[in-house]
Amino acid sequence: MRKFLFKTLFFLSPVIFLFTFTWLFYSTDKGDLLRTGYIMDIFPHYRDIFKKEFERGVFYTNISDVNVKTKKQFTVLTIGDSFSEQGCYGYKNYVGENHGIDLLHFDLKNENQVQVLFSLLNGDFFNTIHVKYVILQFVERNIVDRVYEADTAQSITYDELCKWSEKEKNNLKKKDSSYKFPSDRMIKFPYYNLRYLIKKDTCYSVTYRTKINKDLFSVGSKKELLFYGDDLSAVEQNNKLENAKKLNGIFNDLSVKLKNNGIRLIVLPAPDKYDIYYEYIANKTRFPQPLFFEHMDSMPKKYIYVDSKQILSDAVRKKKDIYFYDDTHWSPWGSQLIAKELMKIITKNE
């Protein structure tokens, strides 16, 4: 019996090792570049520098909480992607805490914020909920796809929106991100970390890892950039001038329609991390230069445009951690800079 147990343990030892290694070192509560890229967190206390911002109160209203009995007048409506879902340390929360600013956020799960805005405009939403500004936020890497996918004739009524909200609440289940057995994570995590260890300046999972020529994150003296692989793959289509022209035309159309309802459109692009830190990449031979913001800057606009790349690029030269080291998103410092610019715009137009 003892011999059998020994053989069984010997046979299972690789599985036990992989499970233990992954269970100990895989991060379920850190940045998305570590989690989706299966990269070991070697700076477990990195995010402590943002602790106070993570503990802030909330100063906005989610659209899922709005119904016929609630307030129907707000200063700002925000519609966006994950950059608009950063909770208490997001740009919308810093805007919402300003006196006299009532901020409503579209928090219902959606894959296309451009589609959402067209649907609200084509329905009766803005006859029921009154706002002065709509902030349309999008991340650089996928906005071209979102525009091409959008059905500009689609509509949704306020009643349908309320039913959507109730359905979301009923289907809401707490996500369990804890490590479960069995899981492909048990293979991917050790495998990718071994490959990154052998050759650091490359991409094996969805995360690129490359050297930079300046110390830009609070991770000791490590001059390294992590960014999402889709940032790079989106450059080709985002660099096409005709795509920027179509994008700008859609925003101009949305702006005119909103003005007919007495609403101003603020377009807020969130630069890809790759774009913001591109100038600091040590070896650019494999990395094309992003031109998306150059194209957008040159377009004639009927909407209010936030030149977020200029704002954030200027800040990167003076301060570390404008974006998270371990994540695709800007940090609370980046959120604050964007919120400051939005408040300037709102104050000026008021």
Protein backbone atom coordinates (compact mmCIF):
# COMPACT_ATOMS: atom_id res chain seq x y z
CA MET A 1 0.00 0.00 0.00
CA ARG A 2 2.80 2.37 0.92
CA LYS A 3 4.53 1.58 -2.35
CA PHE A 4 1.34 2.29 -4.27
CA LEU A 5 0.92 5.66 -2.53
CA PHE A 6 4.51 6.57 -3.27
CA LYS A 7 4.08 5.74 -6.97
CA THR A 8 0.81 7.68 -7.10
CA LEU A 9 2.38 10.75 -5.51
CA PHE A 10 5.36 10.48 -7.83
CA PHE A 11 3.04 10.26 -10.83
CA LEU A 12 0.95 13.22 -9.65
CA SER A 13 3.89 15.37 -8.50
CA PRO A 14 4.05 17.48 -11.73
CA VAL A 15 0.33 18.20 -11.43
CA ILE A 16 0.69 19.05 -7.75
CA PHE A 17 3.61 21.35 -8.51
CA LEU A 18 1.74 23.18 -11.29
CA PHE A 19 -1.35 23.57 -9.16
CA THR A 20 0.61 24.85 -6.15
CA PHE A 21 2.74 27.23 -8.21
CA THR A 22 -0.31 28.75 -9.91
CA TRP A 23 -2.33 28.93 -6.70
CA LEU A 24 0.51 30.77 -4.92
CA PHE A 25 1.59 33.24 -7.60
CA TYR A 26 -1.30 33.88 -9.99
CA SER A 27 -2.94 37.26 -9.24
CA THR A 28 -6.72 37.39 -9.35
CA ASP A 29 -7.03 40.91 -7.94
CA LYS A 30 -4.31 42.84 -9.80
CA GLY A 31 -4.00 44.44 -13.21
CA ASP A 32 -5.61 42.95 -16.31
CA LEU A 33 -2.23 42.63 -18.08
CA LEU A 34 -1.01 40.29 -15.35
CA ARG A 35 -4.24 38.31 -15.18
CA THR A 36 -4.98 37.86 -18.88
CA GLY A 37 -1.29 37.62 -19.77
CA TYR A 38 -0.62 34.98 -17.08
CA ILE A 39 2.37 36.95 -15.76
CA MET A 40 3.67 36.57 -12.22
CA ASP A 41 3.17 39.55 -9.94
CA ILE A 42 6.68 40.37 -8.72
CA PHE A 43 5.60 43.74 -7.27
CA PRO A 44 2.74 42.71 -4.92
CA HIS A 45 2.67 46.09 -3.12
CA TYR A 46 2.81 48.27 -6.22
CA ARG A 47 -0.79 49.45 -5.99
CA ASP A 48 -0.41 50.60 -2.39
CA ILE A 49 0.56 54.03 -3.74
CA PHE A 50 -3.06 54.47 -4.87
CA LYS A 51 -4.64 53.20 -1.65
CA LYS A 52 -6.33 56.49 -0.70
CA GLU A 53 -7.88 56.82 -4.14
CA PHE A 54 -9.23 53.26 -3.98
CA GLU A 55 -11.04 54.16 -0.75
CA ARG A 56 -12.86 57.27 -2.00
CA GLY A 57 -16.60 57.74 -1.83
CA VAL A 58 -18.83 57.58 -4.91
CA PHE A 59 -20.17 60.83 -6.39
CA TYR A 60 -22.23 59.69 -9.39
CA THR A 61 -25.47 57.86 -10.16
CA ASN A 62 -25.65 54.69 -12.23
CA ILE A 63 -28.38 54.54 -14.85
CA SER A 64 -29.38 51.13 -13.47
CA ASP A 65 -30.55 52.95 -10.33
CA VAL A 66 -32.75 55.41 -12.23
CA ASN A 67 -36.48 54.74 -12.48
CA VAL A 68 -39.72 56.70 -12.65
CA LYS A 69 -39.43 57.77 -9.01
CA THR A 70 -35.92 59.18 -9.18
CA LYS A 71 -34.43 62.46 -10.27
CA LYS A 72 -34.66 63.15 -13.99
CA GLN A 73 -32.19 66.02 -14.43
CA PHE A 74 -28.41 65.70 -14.53
CA THR A 75 -25.50 67.79 -15.69
CA VAL A 76 -23.56 65.02 -17.40
CA LEU A 77 -24.25 61.58 -18.87
CA THR A 78 -21.19 59.35 -19.37
CA ILE A 79 -21.19 56.45 -21.84
CA GLY A 80 -18.01 54.47 -22.34
CA ASP A 81 -16.05 51.26 -21.90
CA SER A 82 -13.81 49.95 -19.12
CA PHE A 83 -12.09 53.34 -18.77
CA SER A 84 -15.48 54.63 -17.61
CA GLU A 85 -15.93 51.72 -15.19
CA GLN A 86 -13.11 52.51 -12.76
CA GLY A 87 -15.49 53.25 -9.92
CA CYS A 88 -14.30 55.52 -7.14
CA TYR A 89 -10.96 56.32 -8.80
CA GLY A 90 -12.38 56.87 -12.31
CA TYR A 91 -12.56 60.20 -14.12
CA LYS A 92 -16.36 60.32 -13.75
CA ASN A 93 -16.12 60.15 -9.96
CA TYR A 94 -13.64 63.05 -9.83
CA VAL A 95 -15.99 65.07 -12.06
CA GLY A 96 -19.04 64.08 -10.04
CA GLU A 97 -17.61 65.26 -6.73
CA ASN A 98 -17.53 68.87 -7.97
CA HIS A 99 -20.23 71.09 -6.50
CA GLY A 100 -23.14 71.60 -8.88
CA ILE A 101 -22.27 68.60 -11.08
CA ASP A 102 -24.83 65.79 -11.10
CA LEU A 103 -23.34 62.92 -13.07
CA LEU A 104 -25.28 60.00 -14.51
CA HIS A 105 -23.33 57.00 -15.79
CA PHE A 106 -24.56 54.38 -18.27
CA ASP A 107 -23.48 51.25 -16.42
CA LEU A 108 -25.55 48.64 -18.27
CA LYS A 109 -23.41 46.03 -19.94
CA ASN A 110 -22.80 46.97 -23.58
CA GLU A 111 -20.19 46.26 -26.24
CA ASN A 112 -20.63 49.40 -28.32
CA GLN A 113 -20.99 52.82 -26.74
CA VAL A 114 -21.56 54.51 -30.12
CA GLN A 115 -24.52 52.18 -30.69
CA VAL A 116 -25.86 52.99 -27.21
CA LEU A 117 -25.82 56.73 -27.87
CA PHE A 118 -27.57 56.37 -31.23
CA SER A 119 -30.20 54.13 -29.62
CA LEU A 120 -30.86 56.63 -26.84
CA LEU A 121 -31.08 59.49 -29.34
CA ASN A 122 -33.47 57.64 -31.62
CA GLY A 123 -35.71 56.77 -28.69
CA ASP A 124 -37.37 58.92 -26.03
CA PHE A 125 -34.60 58.76 -23.42
CA PHE A 126 -33.60 62.43 -23.64
CA ASN A 127 -37.26 63.45 -23.33
CA THR A 128 -37.35 61.69 -19.97
CA ILE A 129 -33.83 62.22 -18.63
CA HIS A 130 -32.52 65.75 -19.15
CA VAL A 131 -28.76 66.36 -19.34
CA LYS A 132 -26.55 69.22 -20.51
CA TYR A 133 -23.56 67.16 -21.65
CA VAL A 134 -22.91 63.67 -22.94
CA ILE A 135 -19.36 62.38 -22.52
CA LEU A 136 -18.74 59.64 -25.09
CA GLN A 137 -15.60 57.79 -24.02
CA PHE A 138 -13.87 55.09 -26.04
CA VAL A 139 -10.52 53.32 -26.03
CA GLU A 140 -8.32 53.92 -29.06
CA ARG A 141 -7.78 50.31 -30.10
CA ASN A 142 -11.38 49.37 -30.92
CA ILE A 143 -13.27 52.55 -31.77
CA VAL A 144 -13.00 52.00 -35.54
CA ASP A 145 -14.67 48.60 -35.16
CA ARG A 146 -17.36 50.08 -32.92
CA VAL A 147 -18.25 52.72 -35.51
CA TYR A 148 -18.44 50.24 -38.38
CA GLU A 149 -20.59 47.90 -36.28
CA ALA A 150 -23.05 50.56 -35.11
CA ASP A 151 -26.60 50.63 -36.47
CA THR A 152 -27.40 54.34 -36.61
CA ALA A 153 -31.14 53.67 -37.00
CA GLN A 154 -31.53 51.47 -33.92
CA SER A 155 -33.54 52.88 -31.02
CA ILE A 156 -34.51 52.05 -27.46
CA THR A 157 -37.34 53.53 -25.42
CA TYR A 158 -37.05 54.59 -21.81
CA ASP A 159 -39.39 51.76 -20.78
CA GLU A 160 -37.22 49.23 -22.64
CA LEU A 161 -34.17 50.67 -20.91
CA CYS A 162 -35.80 50.18 -17.51
CA LYS A 163 -36.59 46.55 -18.38
CA TRP A 164 -32.98 46.09 -19.53
CA SER A 165 -31.83 47.46 -16.19
CA GLU A 166 -34.08 45.11 -14.24
CA LYS A 167 -32.88 42.16 -16.28
CA GLU A 168 -29.26 43.08 -15.60
CA LYS A 169 -29.94 43.26 -11.88
CA ASN A 170 -31.70 39.90 -11.86
CA ASN A 171 -28.88 38.26 -13.80
CA LEU A 172 -26.15 39.86 -11.73
CA LYS A 173 -24.03 37.22 -10.06
CA LYS A 174 -20.93 37.77 -8.05
CA LYS A 175 -17.92 36.70 -10.07
CA ASP A 176 -15.68 34.22 -8.36
CA SER A 177 -12.13 34.86 -9.58
CA SER A 178 -10.55 32.41 -7.15
CA TYR A 179 -8.40 29.64 -8.53
CA LYS A 180 -10.31 26.49 -9.42
CA PHE A 181 -9.12 23.02 -10.26
CA PRO A 182 -8.87 21.87 -12.96
CA SER A 183 -8.10 24.90 -15.10
CA ASP A 184 -6.02 25.69 -18.19
CA ARG A 185 -4.54 28.44 -16.03
CA MET A 186 -2.54 25.72 -14.30
CA ILE A 187 -0.68 25.06 -17.57
CA LYS A 188 -0.65 28.54 -19.10
CA PHE A 189 0.63 30.39 -16.05
CA PRO A 190 3.89 28.41 -15.55
CA TYR A 191 4.39 28.03 -19.30
CA TYR A 192 4.13 31.73 -20.16
CA ASN A 193 6.22 32.82 -17.18
CA LEU A 194 8.99 30.42 -18.20
CA ARG A 195 8.99 31.80 -21.74
CA TYR A 196 8.99 35.41 -20.52
CA LEU A 197 11.88 34.55 -18.21
CA ILE A 198 13.94 33.24 -21.13
CA LYS A 199 13.12 36.12 -23.49
CA LYS A 200 11.59 39.17 -21.87
CA ASP A 201 11.28 41.55 -24.82
CA THR A 202 8.39 39.83 -26.59
CA CYS A 203 4.77 38.65 -26.46
CA TYR A 204 3.64 35.10 -25.76
CA SER A 205 0.22 35.59 -24.21
CA VAL A 206 -2.07 38.60 -24.87
CA THR A 207 0.43 40.82 -23.07
CA TYR A 208 3.47 42.41 -24.65
CA ARG A 209 6.50 42.92 -22.48
CA THR A 210 9.22 45.22 -23.78
CA LYS A 211 12.04 47.44 -22.56
CA ILE A 212 11.72 51.20 -22.28
CA ASN A 213 14.47 53.80 -21.95
CA LYS A 214 13.06 55.65 -18.94
CA ASP A 215 11.88 54.75 -15.44
CA LEU A 216 8.14 55.47 -15.76
CA PHE A 217 6.53 53.25 -13.11
CA SER A 218 7.01 52.82 -9.36
CA VAL A 219 8.50 49.34 -9.66
CA GLY A 220 12.04 49.96 -8.51
CA SER A 221 14.50 50.62 -11.31
CA LYS A 222 12.75 48.29 -13.74
CA LYS A 223 12.46 49.95 -17.15
CA GLU A 224 9.75 47.80 -18.63
CA LEU A 225 6.45 48.34 -20.39
CA LEU A 226 3.52 45.93 -20.37
CA PHE A 227 0.77 46.56 -22.90
CA TYR A 228 -2.13 44.73 -24.49
CA GLY A 229 -1.41 42.87 -27.74
CA ASP A 230 -4.54 44.33 -29.37
CA ASP A 231 -3.02 47.82 -28.98
CA LEU A 232 -0.42 46.79 -31.52
CA SER A 233 -2.70 44.87 -33.87
CA ALA A 234 -5.11 47.84 -34.06
CA VAL A 235 -2.45 50.29 -35.27
CA GLU A 236 -2.82 49.38 -38.94
CA GLN A 237 -6.52 50.18 -39.18
CA ASN A 238 -6.31 53.14 -36.81
CA ASN A 239 -3.54 54.69 -38.93
CA LYS A 240 -5.79 54.85 -42.01
CA LEU A 241 -6.94 58.40 -42.61
CA GLU A 242 -10.25 57.28 -44.13
CA ASN A 243 -11.18 55.54 -40.87
CA ALA A 244 -10.53 58.71 -38.89
CA LYS A 245 -12.66 60.68 -41.36
CA LYS A 246 -15.59 58.28 -40.96
CA LEU A 247 -15.20 58.34 -37.21
CA ASN A 248 -15.19 62.12 -37.15
CA GLY A 249 -18.26 62.23 -39.40
CA ILE A 250 -20.18 59.96 -37.01
CA PHE A 251 -19.26 62.16 -34.04
CA ASN A 252 -20.30 65.29 -35.94
CA ASP A 253 -23.65 63.66 -36.75
CA LEU A 254 -24.18 62.67 -33.12
CA SER A 255 -23.27 66.17 -31.99
CA VAL A 256 -25.81 67.83 -34.31
CA LYS A 257 -28.56 65.48 -33.13
CA LEU A 258 -27.70 66.12 -29.49
CA LYS A 259 -27.67 69.90 -30.04
CA ASN A 260 -31.24 69.62 -31.29
CA ASN A 261 -32.01 68.35 -27.79
CA GLY A 262 -30.03 71.14 -26.15
CA ILE A 263 -27.13 68.84 -25.28
CA ARG A 264 -23.40 69.24 -25.96
CA LEU A 265 -21.32 66.22 -27.00
CA ILE A 266 -17.88 65.76 -25.43
CA VAL A 267 -15.76 63.11 -27.14
CA LEU A 268 -13.19 61.52 -24.84
CA PRO A 269 -10.74 59.09 -26.46
CA ALA A 270 -8.72 56.94 -24.07
CA PRO A 271 -5.27 56.44 -25.64
CA ASP A 272 -3.91 52.93 -25.78
CA LYS A 273 -1.11 52.39 -23.30
CA TYR A 274 1.10 51.45 -26.25
CA ASP A 275 0.43 54.84 -27.85
CA ILE A 276 1.08 56.88 -24.69
CA TYR A 277 4.41 55.18 -24.00
CA TYR A 278 5.47 54.54 -27.59
CA GLU A 279 8.22 57.20 -27.62
CA TYR A 280 9.95 55.43 -24.70
CA ILE A 281 10.14 51.94 -26.27
CA ALA A 282 13.84 51.10 -26.49
CA ASN A 283 13.73 49.13 -29.75
CA LYS A 284 11.03 50.38 -32.15
CA THR A 285 12.01 48.24 -35.14
CA ARG A 286 9.08 45.88 -34.52
CA PHE A 287 6.64 48.54 -33.36
CA PRO A 288 4.87 50.90 -35.81
CA GLN A 289 4.12 54.45 -34.73
CA PRO A 290 0.43 55.13 -33.91
CA LEU A 291 -1.07 58.01 -35.92
CA PHE A 292 -4.67 57.90 -34.69
CA PHE A 293 -4.50 61.09 -32.62
CA GLU A 294 -2.62 62.99 -35.32
CA HIS A 295 -5.45 62.22 -37.72
CA MET A 296 -8.17 63.12 -35.20
CA ASP A 297 -6.47 66.39 -34.27
CA SER A 298 -6.65 67.55 -37.89
CA MET A 299 -10.39 66.89 -38.35
CA PRO A 300 -13.04 69.68 -38.45
CA LYS A 301 -15.25 69.08 -35.41
CA LYS A 302 -18.77 70.03 -34.42
CA TYR A 303 -18.27 68.44 -31.01
CA ILE A 304 -16.05 69.19 -28.00
CA TYR A 305 -12.89 67.13 -28.28
CA VAL A 306 -10.67 66.17 -25.34
CA ASP A 307 -7.05 65.93 -26.51
CA SER A 308 -6.33 63.24 -23.96
CA LYS A 309 -3.13 62.02 -25.57
CA GLN A 310 -1.51 65.44 -25.28
CA ILE A 311 -2.65 65.83 -21.67
CA LEU A 312 -1.43 62.40 -20.60
CA SER A 313 1.80 62.47 -22.65
CA ASP A 314 2.77 65.77 -21.04
CA ALA A 315 2.09 64.26 -17.62
CA VAL A 316 4.18 61.13 -18.32
CA ARG A 317 7.24 63.36 -18.79
CA LYS A 318 6.81 64.74 -15.25
CA LYS A 319 5.23 61.99 -13.18
CA LYS A 320 5.35 58.21 -12.89
CA ASP A 321 2.35 55.88 -13.05
CA ILE A 322 0.02 57.91 -15.24
CA TYR A 323 -1.10 54.48 -16.41
CA PHE A 324 -0.90 51.45 -14.14
CA TYR A 325 2.26 49.38 -14.62
CA ASP A 326 0.27 46.13 -14.53
CA ASP A 327 -2.86 47.23 -16.38
CA THR A 328 -4.13 48.61 -19.70
CA HIS A 329 -5.87 51.55 -18.00
CA TRP A 330 -4.79 54.93 -16.75
CA SER A 331 -4.25 55.16 -13.00
CA PRO A 332 -6.02 57.52 -10.55
CA TRP A 333 -3.41 60.13 -11.53
CA GLY A 334 -4.50 59.84 -15.15
CA SER A 335 -8.17 59.91 -14.14
CA GLN A 336 -7.61 63.13 -12.21
CA LEU A 337 -5.96 64.82 -15.20
CA ILE A 338 -8.82 63.86 -17.49
CA ALA A 339 -11.39 64.99 -14.93
CA LYS A 340 -9.62 68.34 -14.55
CA GLU A 341 -9.82 68.92 -18.31
CA LEU A 342 -13.50 67.93 -18.38
CA MET A 343 -14.26 70.37 -15.59
CA LYS A 344 -12.51 73.15 -17.54
CA ILE A 345 -14.71 72.37 -20.53
CA ILE A 346 -17.93 72.27 -18.51
CA THR A 347 -17.09 75.45 -16.57
CA LYS A 348 -16.18 77.30 -19.77
CA ASN A 349 -19.38 76.28 -21.54
CA GLU A 350 -21.58 77.00 -18.53
